[in-house]
Amino acid sequence: MPDETPPRSDPGLREYGSSGPTVVLLHGGPGAPGYLAPVARELAASFRVLEPLQRGSGSETLTVARHVADLRELLTSGDAPKRPALVGHSWGAMLALAFAAEHSGLVGSLVLVSCGTFDKVARRRLEANRERRVDDGLRRRMERLEREALDEDDCLARIGRLLLPAYSHDLVDHGLEFTGCDAAAYRQTWNDMLRLQAAGVYPAAFSAIDLPLLMLHGVEDPHPGALIRASLEPYVPQLEYREWNSCGHYPWLERAVREKFFSTLTDWLDRRSRSHAPV
């Protein structure tokens, strides 16, 4: 399918593969569509893969509820797959949990890859980890970019690429296949997620999730996997946790674990799809 940025405020969809159980990939950011394409291409050998490009900024302020509603529309359309697996990365993992908390019956299983944070303790650790990895030279480059950039969307994309080494261990590929970044979508959506956490909605709402749940995390991801796991386990005790050394925020780009990541993900999804197949 064409690798094009969808119109602002209009969700888009890319499809890969033509047979097998359905997997829905949820990108992170928020507001950073397209970079999960390498994961989608790899999974397409065994699964039908849907990659929604989440709604961008526009006339309405973006909220978690808006993204959940968009995903529900996709999964209840006329030719929608029955109970697909949701595989979310970073913010996308948080969206997968938020969706399943409201619409568990529409989903077969969840995989959280490099999941985002749900409390202040984990966020403080994330900020401290990131601060240690940003040297003075990189900090000056980011500050200069923020001063000189005329377009905040382009600035967000370029900062994301500059920070890639700080979020990683040893990459086989330094490319992130963004179809474009949306700074307003990032700001609006993340602010709403923080509001919901402060109000006590998340992660408490996840206790409604009665689904197989796998969390995959890299030890060298600035997002503190152990702390994020601890914040989730009281609400989703069925959570399975796998952690890899020599791995940062993007496991499919890491030299040491790329093959392990895909084999673990594929095997787990295959087992869960067979156990939830319609009789």
Foldseek 3Di string as FASTA:
>chain_A
DDLADDDAQDKDKDKAADDAAEEEEFEDLVFFPDQCVVVRHLCNVHHIYMYINFHHDDDDQDELVVRLVVVVCQQPDPPHGAAGEYEYAAVGLVSVLVNCLPCVRRHAEYEYALYYALDPVLVVQLVVLLVVLQDPVLVVVLVVLVVPDPDVFVSSVVNVLSCVVSQAFAFPDSDGGTSTGHVSNSVRHVVNSVVCSVVVNPPQSSLSHDHQYEYEAEPSGSRHPVVRCVRNCVRVVNYHYDYYYRTGRDQCGGPVCNVVVSVVVSVVSNVSCVVPPDD
